[in-house]
Amino acid sequence: MSGSVAQGYEETLVPNVYFDRNFDIEAAKLLPGEYCATRRNMLLVTVLGSCVAACIRDKNSAIGGMNHFMLPENSPEQGGWGSASTRYGTYAMEMLINQLLKLGAKRSNLEAKLFGGGAVIENMSTINVGERNAEFAKDYLKTEGIPVVATDLLDIYPRKVYFFPQTGRVLVKKLHTLHNDTIIAREREYISRLGAAKVAGDIDLFT
């Protein structure tokens, strides 16, 4: 099941939804550029190379979600606030936070965990795109006053991330031996889409 909104689901930009037999729970798999927010007891899964995923939840209500994003690597501006580059990251973060608040989360109760930003794509720019993604995510959440309670960032390996919004539990598997062509091809295609797309307008956040 995929699409922008799946009938009966509270998630927005719902990715592939399936039943995970290993964890015996409904799960959603996020690809680059996707996000998912829910108040349901389910599992959110993604595989990260240079991209970063923010897992954000209301620690009291257990409403939580995840995004999967990257800053364009060929922006003429190297990430100053309001630049063409950081607007992509800001949009990804605002869309997730906005949806969490619409589902009933309270901003004062939000906490985050950050993952990804690995140096897995060579010859992309003089500034490592994974490092830029990681620094952006940390800076954004600090500016928004959302505490980051755990991170697993940078390094040279892709990661598979399992996030359980109801409990806040995250499992991270570093993919040391996986052939990375699929991950790299997926992220390069995502970068190409970023270069061609226009960022949506400003988002009114719920408070």
N, C-alpha and C. Protein backbone atom coordinates (compact mmCIF):
# COMPACT_ATOMS: atom_id res chain seq x y z
N MET A 1 0.85 -1.18 0.00
CA MET A 1 0.00 0.00 0.00
C MET A 1 0.89 1.24 0.00
N SER A 2 0.63 2.18 -0.87
CA SER A 2 1.43 3.39 -0.89
C SER A 2 0.57 4.52 -1.43
N GLY A 3 1.10 5.75 -1.30
CA GLY A 3 0.36 6.90 -1.78
C GLY A 3 0.51 8.05 -0.83
N SER A 4 -0.13 9.16 -1.16
CA SER A 4 0.01 10.34 -0.31
C SER A 4 -0.76 10.18 0.99
N VAL A 5 -1.95 9.57 0.92
CA VAL A 5 -2.72 9.28 2.13
C VAL A 5 -3.42 7.95 1.91
N ALA A 6 -3.27 7.04 2.86
CA ALA A 6 -3.94 5.75 2.76
C ALA A 6 -5.20 5.77 3.60
N GLN A 7 -6.30 5.28 3.06
CA GLN A 7 -7.58 5.33 3.76
C GLN A 7 -7.48 4.58 5.09
N GLY A 8 -7.96 5.22 6.15
CA GLY A 8 -7.94 4.59 7.46
C GLY A 8 -6.66 4.83 8.23
N TYR A 9 -5.71 5.52 7.64
CA TYR A 9 -4.44 5.79 8.31
C TYR A 9 -4.35 7.26 8.69
N GLU A 10 -3.60 7.52 9.74
CA GLU A 10 -3.42 8.89 10.19
C GLU A 10 -2.15 9.50 9.61
N GLU A 11 -1.33 8.68 8.96
CA GLU A 11 -0.05 9.14 8.44
C GLU A 11 -0.27 10.03 7.23
N THR A 12 0.69 10.92 7.00
CA THR A 12 0.68 11.75 5.80
C THR A 12 1.89 11.37 4.96
N LEU A 13 1.72 11.42 3.65
CA LEU A 13 2.72 10.90 2.72
C LEU A 13 3.10 9.49 3.15
N VAL A 14 2.10 8.64 3.24
CA VAL A 14 2.29 7.28 3.72
C VAL A 14 3.15 6.50 2.75
N PRO A 15 4.23 5.91 3.23
CA PRO A 15 5.09 5.09 2.37
C PRO A 15 4.52 3.67 2.27
N ASN A 16 5.37 2.73 1.93
CA ASN A 16 4.93 1.34 1.82
C ASN A 16 4.55 0.80 3.19
N VAL A 17 3.30 0.35 3.32
CA VAL A 17 2.81 -0.20 4.58
C VAL A 17 2.70 -1.71 4.43
N TYR A 18 3.20 -2.44 5.41
CA TYR A 18 3.21 -3.90 5.35
C TYR A 18 3.18 -4.46 6.76
N PHE A 19 3.09 -5.77 6.88
CA PHE A 19 3.14 -6.41 8.19
C PHE A 19 4.51 -7.03 8.37
N ASP A 20 5.22 -6.59 9.40
CA ASP A 20 6.56 -7.10 9.68
C ASP A 20 6.44 -8.36 10.54
N ARG A 21 6.72 -9.50 9.95
CA ARG A 21 6.58 -10.77 10.66
C ARG A 21 7.66 -10.95 11.73
N ASN A 22 8.81 -10.33 11.53
CA ASN A 22 9.89 -10.46 12.50
C ASN A 22 9.50 -9.83 13.83
N PHE A 23 8.90 -8.62 13.77
CA PHE A 23 8.50 -7.91 14.98
C PHE A 23 7.02 -8.09 15.30
N ASP A 24 6.30 -8.78 14.43
CA ASP A 24 4.88 -9.05 14.63
C ASP A 24 4.09 -7.76 14.82
N ILE A 25 4.28 -6.83 13.87
CA ILE A 25 3.65 -5.51 13.99
C ILE A 25 3.49 -4.90 12.61
N GLU A 26 2.48 -4.06 12.45
CA GLU A 26 2.32 -3.30 11.22
C GLU A 26 3.49 -2.34 11.08
N ALA A 27 3.98 -2.17 9.85
CA ALA A 27 5.18 -1.35 9.64
C ALA A 27 5.02 -0.50 8.39
N ALA A 28 5.78 0.58 8.35
CA ALA A 28 5.83 1.46 7.18
C ALA A 28 7.28 1.67 6.81
N LYS A 29 7.60 1.50 5.54
CA LYS A 29 8.97 1.68 5.05
C LYS A 29 9.07 3.02 4.34
N LEU A 30 10.00 3.87 4.80
CA LEU A 30 10.18 5.19 4.22
C LEU A 30 11.34 5.19 3.24
N LEU A 31 11.13 5.84 2.10
CA LEU A 31 12.16 6.07 1.10
C LEU A 31 12.58 7.54 1.17
N PRO A 32 13.67 7.92 0.48
CA PRO A 32 14.12 9.32 0.52
C PRO A 32 13.00 10.29 0.13
N GLY A 33 12.86 11.33 0.93
CA GLY A 33 11.85 12.35 0.68
C GLY A 33 10.51 12.08 1.33
N GLU A 34 10.36 10.95 2.01
CA GLU A 34 9.09 10.60 2.63
C GLU A 34 9.12 10.87 4.13
N TYR A 35 7.93 10.95 4.71
CA TYR A 35 7.81 11.06 6.16
C TYR A 35 6.53 10.37 6.58
N CYS A 36 6.44 10.06 7.86
CA CYS A 36 5.28 9.34 8.36
C CYS A 36 5.07 9.71 9.82
N ALA A 37 3.86 10.07 10.18
CA ALA A 37 3.50 10.39 11.56
C ALA A 37 2.28 9.59 11.95
N THR A 38 2.25 9.10 13.18
CA THR A 38 1.15 8.23 13.58
C THR A 38 0.94 8.25 15.08
N ARG A 39 -0.28 7.93 15.48
CA ARG A 39 -0.55 7.69 16.90
C ARG A 39 -0.81 6.20 17.13
N ARG A 40 -0.63 5.41 16.07
CA ARG A 40 -0.86 3.96 16.14
C ARG A 40 0.37 3.23 16.68
N ASN A 41 0.15 2.01 17.14
CA ASN A 41 1.26 1.15 17.55
C ASN A 41 1.79 0.45 16.31
N MET A 42 2.85 1.02 15.73
CA MET A 42 3.41 0.46 14.51
C MET A 42 4.91 0.72 14.48
N LEU A 43 5.55 0.18 13.48
CA LEU A 43 7.00 0.28 13.30
C LEU A 43 7.29 1.12 12.06
N LEU A 44 8.25 2.05 12.18
CA LEU A 44 8.70 2.84 11.04
C LEU A 44 10.12 2.42 10.69
N VAL A 45 10.34 2.15 9.42
CA VAL A 45 11.63 1.58 8.99
C VAL A 45 12.18 2.38 7.82
N THR A 46 13.50 2.60 7.82
CA THR A 46 14.14 3.21 6.66
C THR A 46 15.59 2.76 6.58
N VAL A 47 16.17 2.91 5.40
CA VAL A 47 17.59 2.61 5.18
C VAL A 47 18.26 3.91 4.75
N LEU A 48 19.33 4.29 5.44
CA LEU A 48 19.99 5.57 5.24
C LEU A 48 21.42 5.40 4.77
N GLY A 49 21.78 6.21 3.79
CA GLY A 49 23.18 6.34 3.41
C GLY A 49 23.65 7.71 3.86
N SER A 50 23.69 8.66 2.91
CA SER A 50 24.04 10.04 3.25
C SER A 50 22.86 10.81 3.83
N CYS A 51 21.66 10.31 3.61
CA CYS A 51 20.47 10.97 4.14
C CYS A 51 20.42 10.88 5.66
N VAL A 52 19.57 11.69 6.25
CA VAL A 52 19.34 11.69 7.70
C VAL A 52 17.87 11.42 7.96
N ALA A 53 17.59 10.67 9.01
CA ALA A 53 16.23 10.47 9.49
C ALA A 53 16.11 11.06 10.88
N ALA A 54 15.07 11.85 11.09
CA ALA A 54 14.74 12.34 12.42
C ALA A 54 13.55 11.54 12.93
N CYS A 55 13.71 10.91 14.08
CA CYS A 55 12.62 10.21 14.75
C CYS A 55 12.15 11.11 15.89
N ILE A 56 10.94 11.64 15.78
CA ILE A 56 10.44 12.62 16.73
C ILE A 56 9.15 12.09 17.34
N ARG A 57 9.02 12.21 18.66
CA ARG A 57 7.80 11.74 19.32
C ARG A 57 7.45 12.62 20.51
N ASP A 58 6.18 12.61 20.85
CA ASP A 58 5.69 13.21 22.09
C ASP A 58 5.88 12.16 23.18
N LYS A 59 6.76 12.42 24.12
CA LYS A 59 7.11 11.43 25.14
C LYS A 59 5.95 11.10 26.08
N ASN A 60 4.92 11.94 26.10
CA ASN A 60 3.76 11.68 26.96
C ASN A 60 2.63 10.95 26.24
N SER A 61 2.33 11.38 25.02
CA SER A 61 1.21 10.79 24.29
C SER A 61 1.61 9.64 23.38
N ALA A 62 2.91 9.50 23.14
CA ALA A 62 3.45 8.44 22.26
C ALA A 62 3.10 8.65 20.79
N ILE A 63 2.66 9.84 20.42
CA ILE A 63 2.49 10.17 19.01
C ILE A 63 3.88 10.42 18.45
N GLY A 64 4.20 9.76 17.34
CA GLY A 64 5.56 9.91 16.83
C GLY A 64 5.64 9.73 15.33
N GLY A 65 6.80 10.04 14.80
CA GLY A 65 6.99 9.90 13.36
C GLY A 65 8.45 9.98 12.96
N MET A 66 8.67 9.79 11.68
CA MET A 66 10.03 9.77 11.13
C MET A 66 10.01 10.46 9.77
N ASN A 67 11.11 11.13 9.43
CA ASN A 67 11.30 11.61 8.07
C ASN A 67 12.62 11.06 7.52
N HIS A 68 12.86 11.28 6.24
CA HIS A 68 14.06 10.79 5.57
C HIS A 68 14.40 11.84 4.52
N PHE A 69 15.49 12.60 4.74
CA PHE A 69 15.73 13.74 3.87
C PHE A 69 17.22 13.95 3.62
N MET A 70 17.48 14.79 2.62
CA MET A 70 18.84 15.17 2.25
C MET A 70 18.82 16.61 1.75
N LEU A 71 19.87 17.36 2.02
CA LEU A 71 20.03 18.68 1.42
C LEU A 71 20.62 18.51 0.02
N PRO A 72 20.21 19.34 -0.94
CA PRO A 72 20.83 19.26 -2.26
C PRO A 72 22.33 19.50 -2.15
N GLU A 73 23.14 18.67 -2.82
CA GLU A 73 24.59 18.78 -2.64
C GLU A 73 25.23 19.84 -3.51
N ASN A 74 24.49 20.30 -4.54
CA ASN A 74 25.11 21.24 -5.48
C ASN A 74 24.59 22.65 -5.33
N SER A 75 24.04 22.96 -4.13
CA SER A 75 23.56 24.32 -3.92
C SER A 75 24.74 25.29 -3.89
N PRO A 76 24.63 26.46 -4.52
CA PRO A 76 25.70 27.45 -4.46
C PRO A 76 25.94 27.97 -3.06
N GLU A 77 24.91 27.88 -2.20
CA GLU A 77 25.08 28.29 -0.81
C GLU A 77 25.27 27.04 0.00
N GLN A 78 26.22 27.05 0.92
CA GLN A 78 26.52 25.83 1.66
C GLN A 78 25.79 25.78 2.99
N GLY A 79 24.49 26.05 2.95
CA GLY A 79 23.67 25.69 4.10
C GLY A 79 23.33 26.78 5.08
N GLY A 80 23.53 28.07 4.76
CA GLY A 80 23.09 29.11 5.68
C GLY A 80 21.59 29.08 5.83
N TRP A 81 21.09 29.50 7.00
CA TRP A 81 19.65 29.47 7.23
C TRP A 81 18.94 30.33 6.20
N GLY A 82 17.89 29.78 5.60
CA GLY A 82 17.14 30.47 4.57
C GLY A 82 17.70 30.28 3.18
N SER A 83 18.82 29.58 3.04
CA SER A 83 19.40 29.34 1.73
C SER A 83 18.53 28.36 0.96
N ALA A 84 18.77 28.28 -0.36
CA ALA A 84 18.03 27.33 -1.18
C ALA A 84 18.25 25.91 -0.69
N SER A 85 19.45 25.64 -0.19
CA SER A 85 19.77 24.29 0.28
C SER A 85 18.98 23.93 1.53
N THR A 86 19.06 24.77 2.57
CA THR A 86 18.45 24.39 3.84
C THR A 86 16.92 24.43 3.79
N ARG A 87 16.34 25.10 2.81
CA ARG A 87 14.88 25.09 2.72
C ARG A 87 14.35 23.68 2.51
N TYR A 88 15.11 22.81 1.86
CA TYR A 88 14.68 21.43 1.68
C TYR A 88 14.64 20.71 3.02
N GLY A 89 15.68 20.87 3.82
CA GLY A 89 15.70 20.25 5.14
C GLY A 89 14.65 20.83 6.05
N THR A 90 14.48 22.15 6.00
CA THR A 90 13.47 22.81 6.82
C THR A 90 12.08 22.30 6.47
N TYR A 91 11.80 22.16 5.19
CA TYR A 91 10.51 21.65 4.74
C TYR A 91 10.27 20.24 5.27
N ALA A 92 11.30 19.38 5.18
CA ALA A 92 11.15 17.99 5.66
C ALA A 92 10.86 17.95 7.16
N MET A 93 11.55 18.79 7.93
CA MET A 93 11.34 18.81 9.37
C MET A 93 9.99 19.41 9.73
N GLU A 94 9.61 20.51 9.05
CA GLU A 94 8.35 21.16 9.37
C GLU A 94 7.17 20.27 9.03
N MET A 95 7.24 19.55 7.92
CA MET A 95 6.14 18.68 7.53
C MET A 95 5.89 17.61 8.59
N LEU A 96 6.98 17.01 9.10
CA LEU A 96 6.83 15.98 10.12
C LEU A 96 6.29 16.57 11.42
N ILE A 97 6.90 17.66 11.89
CA ILE A 97 6.47 18.26 13.16
C ILE A 97 5.03 18.74 13.05
N ASN A 98 4.69 19.36 11.93
CA ASN A 98 3.33 19.85 11.74
C ASN A 98 2.32 18.71 11.83
N GLN A 99 2.63 17.57 11.21
CA GLN A 99 1.70 16.46 11.24
C GLN A 99 1.58 15.86 12.65
N LEU A 100 2.69 15.79 13.38
CA LEU A 100 2.63 15.30 14.76
C LEU A 100 1.71 16.17 15.61
N LEU A 101 1.84 17.48 15.45
CA LEU A 101 1.00 18.39 16.23
C LEU A 101 -0.47 18.30 15.81
N LYS A 102 -0.72 18.09 14.53
CA LYS A 102 -2.10 17.91 14.07
C LYS A 102 -2.72 16.64 14.66
N LEU A 103 -1.90 15.63 14.91
CA LEU A 103 -2.39 14.39 15.50
C LEU A 103 -2.60 14.49 17.00
N GLY A 104 -2.14 15.61 17.60
CA GLY A 104 -2.37 15.80 19.03
C GLY A 104 -1.13 15.90 19.88
N ALA A 105 0.05 15.78 19.29
CA ALA A 105 1.28 15.93 20.06
C ALA A 105 1.42 17.38 20.53
N LYS A 106 2.11 17.58 21.65
CA LYS A 106 2.39 18.92 22.16
C LYS A 106 3.85 19.25 21.92
N ARG A 107 4.09 20.43 21.40
CA ARG A 107 5.46 20.82 21.07
C ARG A 107 6.39 20.71 22.28
N SER A 108 5.90 21.08 23.46
CA SER A 108 6.74 21.06 24.65
C SER A 108 7.14 19.65 25.07
N ASN A 109 6.44 18.64 24.56
CA ASN A 109 6.75 17.25 24.92
C ASN A 109 7.59 16.53 23.87
N LEU A 110 7.92 17.21 22.77
CA LEU A 110 8.63 16.53 21.69
C LEU A 110 10.09 16.28 22.05
N GLU A 111 10.59 15.12 21.62
CA GLU A 111 12.00 14.79 21.70
C GLU A 111 12.39 14.07 20.42
N ALA A 112 13.68 14.10 20.10
CA ALA A 112 14.12 13.58 18.81
C ALA A 112 15.33 12.67 18.95
N LYS A 113 15.45 11.77 17.98
CA LYS A 113 16.64 10.95 17.80
C LYS A 113 17.03 11.06 16.33
N LEU A 114 18.34 11.16 16.07
CA LEU A 114 18.83 11.40 14.71
C LEU A 114 19.75 10.28 14.26
N PHE A 115 19.61 9.93 12.96
CA PHE A 115 20.39 8.82 12.42
C PHE A 115 20.78 9.12 10.98
N GLY A 116 21.92 8.54 10.56
CA GLY A 116 22.34 8.64 9.17
C GLY A 116 23.50 9.59 8.96
N GLY A 117 23.56 10.17 7.76
CA GLY A 117 24.63 11.08 7.43
C GLY A 117 25.95 10.39 7.16
N GLY A 118 25.91 9.15 6.70
CA GLY A 118 27.13 8.41 6.42
C GLY A 118 27.82 8.90 5.16
N ALA A 119 29.15 8.77 5.12
CA ALA A 119 29.93 9.15 3.94
C ALA A 119 29.96 7.96 2.98
N VAL A 120 28.84 7.74 2.31
CA VAL A 120 28.72 6.55 1.46
C VAL A 120 28.73 6.87 -0.02
N ILE A 121 28.58 8.15 -0.39
CA ILE A 121 28.59 8.54 -1.80
C ILE A 121 29.84 9.37 -2.04
N GLU A 122 30.75 8.86 -2.85
CA GLU A 122 32.01 9.54 -3.10
C GLU A 122 31.87 10.60 -4.19
N ASN A 123 32.78 11.57 -4.15
CA ASN A 123 32.92 12.58 -5.21
C ASN A 123 31.66 13.40 -5.43
N MET A 124 30.93 13.67 -4.36
CA MET A 124 29.72 14.47 -4.50
C MET A 124 30.01 15.96 -4.37
N SER A 125 30.85 16.34 -3.43
CA SER A 125 31.22 17.74 -3.27
C SER A 125 32.40 17.81 -2.33
N THR A 126 32.99 19.00 -2.24
CA THR A 126 34.11 19.16 -1.32
C THR A 126 33.65 19.09 0.12
N ILE A 127 32.40 19.41 0.38
CA ILE A 127 31.84 19.29 1.72
C ILE A 127 30.97 18.05 1.75
N ASN A 128 31.27 17.13 2.65
CA ASN A 128 30.55 15.86 2.72
C ASN A 128 29.07 16.10 2.92
N VAL A 129 28.25 15.56 2.02
CA VAL A 129 26.81 15.82 2.09
C VAL A 129 26.19 15.19 3.33
N GLY A 130 26.69 14.01 3.74
CA GLY A 130 26.17 13.39 4.95
C GLY A 130 26.42 14.24 6.18
N GLU A 131 27.61 14.83 6.27
CA GLU A 131 27.94 15.69 7.40
C GLU A 131 27.06 16.93 7.41
N ARG A 132 26.80 17.50 6.23
CA ARG A 132 25.93 18.67 6.15
C ARG A 132 24.51 18.34 6.59
N ASN A 133 24.02 17.16 6.17
CA ASN A 133 22.69 16.75 6.58
C ASN A 133 22.60 16.60 8.09
N ALA A 134 23.62 15.97 8.69
CA ALA A 134 23.62 15.76 10.14
C ALA A 134 23.68 17.07 10.90
N GLU A 135 24.55 17.97 10.47
CA GLU A 135 24.68 19.25 11.15
C GLU A 135 23.41 20.08 11.03
N PHE A 136 22.79 20.03 9.84
CA PHE A 136 21.54 20.75 9.67
C PHE A 136 20.48 20.25 10.66
N ALA A 137 20.33 18.93 10.75
CA ALA A 137 19.29 18.37 11.62
C ALA A 137 19.52 18.76 13.06
N LYS A 138 20.75 18.70 13.53
CA LYS A 138 21.06 19.07 14.92
C LYS A 138 20.78 20.56 15.15
N ASP A 139 21.21 21.39 14.21
CA ASP A 139 21.02 22.84 14.35
C ASP A 139 19.53 23.20 14.32
N TYR A 140 18.80 22.55 13.42
CA TYR A 140 17.37 22.85 13.30
C TYR A 140 16.64 22.53 14.60
N LEU A 141 16.88 21.35 15.13
CA LEU A 141 16.18 20.94 16.35
C LEU A 141 16.59 21.80 17.54
N LYS A 142 17.84 22.20 17.60
CA LYS A 142 18.29 23.10 18.67
C LYS A 142 17.56 24.43 18.58
N THR A 143 17.44 24.96 17.36
CA THR A 143 16.74 26.23 17.15
C THR A 143 15.27 26.12 17.54
N GLU A 144 14.66 24.96 17.26
CA GLU A 144 13.25 24.76 17.58
C GLU A 144 13.01 24.37 19.03
N GLY A 145 14.08 24.16 19.79
CA GLY A 145 13.93 23.80 21.20
C GLY A 145 13.47 22.38 21.43
N ILE A 146 13.73 21.51 20.46
CA ILE A 146 13.37 20.09 20.60
C ILE A 146 14.62 19.32 20.99
N PRO A 147 14.68 18.74 22.19
CA PRO A 147 15.89 18.06 22.63
C PRO A 147 16.19 16.82 21.81
N VAL A 148 17.46 16.63 21.49
CA VAL A 148 17.92 15.42 20.82
C VAL A 148 18.46 14.48 21.89
N VAL A 149 17.79 13.36 22.10
CA VAL A 149 18.13 12.47 23.21
C VAL A 149 19.01 11.30 22.78
N ALA A 150 19.21 11.10 21.48
CA ALA A 150 20.09 10.04 21.01
C ALA A 150 20.47 10.31 19.56
N THR A 151 21.69 9.92 19.18
CA THR A 151 22.13 10.06 17.79
C THR A 151 23.01 8.88 17.40
N ASP A 152 22.99 8.59 16.13
CA ASP A 152 23.97 7.69 15.51
C ASP A 152 24.20 8.25 14.11
N LEU A 153 25.21 9.13 14.00
CA LEU A 153 25.44 9.92 12.81
C LEU A 153 26.85 9.71 12.26
N LEU A 154 27.01 10.07 10.99
CA LEU A 154 28.29 10.05 10.27
C LEU A 154 28.81 8.62 10.12
N ASP A 155 30.10 8.40 10.16
CA ASP A 155 30.73 7.11 9.87
C ASP A 155 30.68 6.86 8.36
N ILE A 156 31.01 5.66 7.94
CA ILE A 156 31.11 5.36 6.51
C ILE A 156 30.10 4.31 6.06
N TYR A 157 29.22 3.89 6.96
CA TYR A 157 28.31 2.79 6.65
C TYR A 157 26.86 3.25 6.50
N PRO A 158 26.13 2.62 5.60
CA PRO A 158 24.67 2.80 5.60
C PRO A 158 24.08 2.19 6.88
N ARG A 159 22.85 2.59 7.18
CA ARG A 159 22.16 2.09 8.37
C ARG A 159 20.73 1.71 8.03
N LYS A 160 20.25 0.68 8.70
CA LYS A 160 18.83 0.38 8.68
C LYS A 160 18.29 0.74 10.05
N VAL A 161 17.24 1.57 10.07
CA VAL A 161 16.71 2.10 11.32
C VAL A 161 15.28 1.60 11.52
N TYR A 162 15.03 1.09 12.72
CA TYR A 162 13.69 0.64 13.12
C TYR A 162 13.24 1.53 14.28
N PHE A 163 12.14 2.25 14.10
CA PHE A 163 11.65 3.17 15.13
C PHE A 163 10.25 2.75 15.56
N PHE A 164 10.08 2.59 16.87
CA PHE A 164 8.79 2.24 17.46
C PHE A 164 8.25 3.49 18.17
N PRO A 165 7.41 4.28 17.52
CA PRO A 165 6.96 5.54 18.11
C PRO A 165 6.26 5.39 19.45
N GLN A 166 5.55 4.31 19.67
CA GLN A 166 4.81 4.15 20.92
C GLN A 166 5.73 4.13 22.13
N THR A 167 6.91 3.55 21.99
CA THR A 167 7.83 3.43 23.12
C THR A 167 9.06 4.32 23.00
N GLY A 168 9.34 4.79 21.78
CA GLY A 168 10.56 5.56 21.54
C GLY A 168 11.76 4.70 21.26
N ARG A 169 11.58 3.39 21.27
CA ARG A 169 12.70 2.48 21.04
C ARG A 169 13.18 2.57 19.60
N VAL A 170 14.49 2.57 19.41
CA VAL A 170 15.08 2.56 18.07
C VAL A 170 16.13 1.47 18.01
N LEU A 171 16.07 0.69 16.94
CA LEU A 171 17.10 -0.30 16.65
C LEU A 171 17.84 0.15 15.40
N VAL A 172 19.16 0.14 15.45
CA VAL A 172 19.98 0.56 14.32
C VAL A 172 20.91 -0.57 13.93
N LYS A 173 20.88 -0.92 12.66
CA LYS A 173 21.78 -1.95 12.14
C LYS A 173 22.68 -1.32 11.10
N LYS A 174 23.99 -1.28 11.37
CA LYS A 174 24.94 -0.77 10.39
C LYS A 174 25.21 -1.86 9.35
N LEU A 175 25.09 -1.47 8.10
CA LEU A 175 25.16 -2.44 7.01
C LEU A 175 26.60 -2.53 6.50
N HIS A 176 27.44 -3.23 7.26
CA HIS A 176 28.86 -3.31 6.95
C HIS A 176 29.14 -4.10 5.68
N THR A 177 28.35 -5.12 5.43
CA THR A 177 28.68 -6.03 4.33
C THR A 177 27.71 -5.94 3.17
N LEU A 178 26.67 -5.12 3.29
CA LEU A 178 25.68 -5.02 2.23
C LEU A 178 26.26 -4.33 1.01
N HIS A 179 25.94 -4.86 -0.16
CA HIS A 179 26.33 -4.19 -1.40
C HIS A 179 25.53 -2.89 -1.51
N ASN A 180 26.21 -1.77 -1.58
CA ASN A 180 25.56 -0.48 -1.40
C ASN A 180 25.01 0.14 -2.68
N ASP A 181 25.09 -0.55 -3.82
CA ASP A 181 24.68 0.07 -5.07
C ASP A 181 23.24 0.54 -5.05
N THR A 182 22.35 -0.26 -4.45
CA THR A 182 20.94 0.10 -4.42
C THR A 182 20.72 1.37 -3.61
N ILE A 183 21.36 1.46 -2.43
CA ILE A 183 21.22 2.64 -1.58
C ILE A 183 21.77 3.88 -2.29
N ILE A 184 22.95 3.74 -2.89
CA ILE A 184 23.59 4.87 -3.57
C ILE A 184 22.75 5.31 -4.76
N ALA A 185 22.25 4.35 -5.55
CA ALA A 185 21.42 4.69 -6.71
C ALA A 185 20.15 5.40 -6.27
N ARG A 186 19.55 4.94 -5.17
CA ARG A 186 18.32 5.54 -4.66
C ARG A 186 18.58 6.98 -4.22
N GLU A 187 19.71 7.21 -3.54
CA GLU A 187 20.01 8.56 -3.07
C GLU A 187 20.40 9.48 -4.22
N ARG A 188 21.12 8.95 -5.23
CA ARG A 188 21.45 9.78 -6.38
C ARG A 188 20.19 10.19 -7.14
N GLU A 189 19.24 9.29 -7.26
CA GLU A 189 17.98 9.62 -7.91
C GLU A 189 17.22 10.68 -7.12
N TYR A 190 17.28 10.56 -5.80
CA TYR A 190 16.64 11.55 -4.92
C TYR A 190 17.31 12.92 -5.09
N ILE A 191 18.64 12.94 -5.16
CA ILE A 191 19.37 14.19 -5.38
C ILE A 191 18.95 14.83 -6.70
N SER A 192 18.79 14.00 -7.73
CA SER A 192 18.37 14.51 -9.03
C SER A 192 16.99 15.14 -8.95
N ARG A 193 16.09 14.50 -8.19
CA ARG A 193 14.75 15.06 -8.02
C ARG A 193 14.79 16.38 -7.26
N LEU A 194 15.67 16.47 -6.25
CA LEU A 194 15.79 17.71 -5.48
C LEU A 194 16.23 18.85 -6.37
N GLY A 195 17.15 18.55 -7.29
CA GLY A 195 17.66 19.59 -8.17
C GLY A 195 16.61 20.12 -9.12
N ALA A 196 15.62 19.29 -9.45
CA ALA A 196 14.60 19.69 -10.41
C ALA A 196 13.35 20.26 -9.77
N ALA A 197 13.16 19.97 -8.47
CA ALA A 197 11.91 20.35 -7.81
C ALA A 197 12.01 21.72 -7.17
N LYS A 198 10.85 22.32 -6.97
CA LYS A 198 10.74 23.56 -6.22
C LYS A 198 10.26 23.23 -4.82
N VAL A 199 10.82 23.91 -3.83
CA VAL A 199 10.37 23.70 -2.46
C VAL A 199 9.02 24.34 -2.28
N ALA A 200 8.13 23.62 -1.59
CA ALA A 200 6.80 24.18 -1.31
C ALA A 200 6.91 25.43 -0.45
N GLY A 201 5.84 26.17 -0.38
CA GLY A 201 5.83 27.41 0.38
C GLY A 201 5.92 27.18 1.87
N ASP A 202 5.87 28.26 2.60
CA ASP A 202 5.94 28.18 4.05
C ASP A 202 4.79 27.36 4.62
N ILE A 203 5.03 26.72 5.76
CA ILE A 203 4.03 25.88 6.42
C ILE A 203 3.66 26.53 7.73
N ASP A 204 2.35 26.62 8.01
CA ASP A 204 1.90 27.11 9.30
C ASP A 204 1.94 25.96 10.30
N LEU A 205 2.77 26.10 11.31
CA LEU A 205 2.90 25.05 12.31
C LEU A 205 1.88 25.24 13.42
N PHE A 206 1.33 24.14 13.90
CA PHE A 206 0.42 24.16 15.03
C PHE A 206 1.23 24.37 16.31
N THR A 207 0.70 25.11 17.27
CA THR A 207 1.41 25.34 18.53
C THR A 207 0.57 24.86 19.70
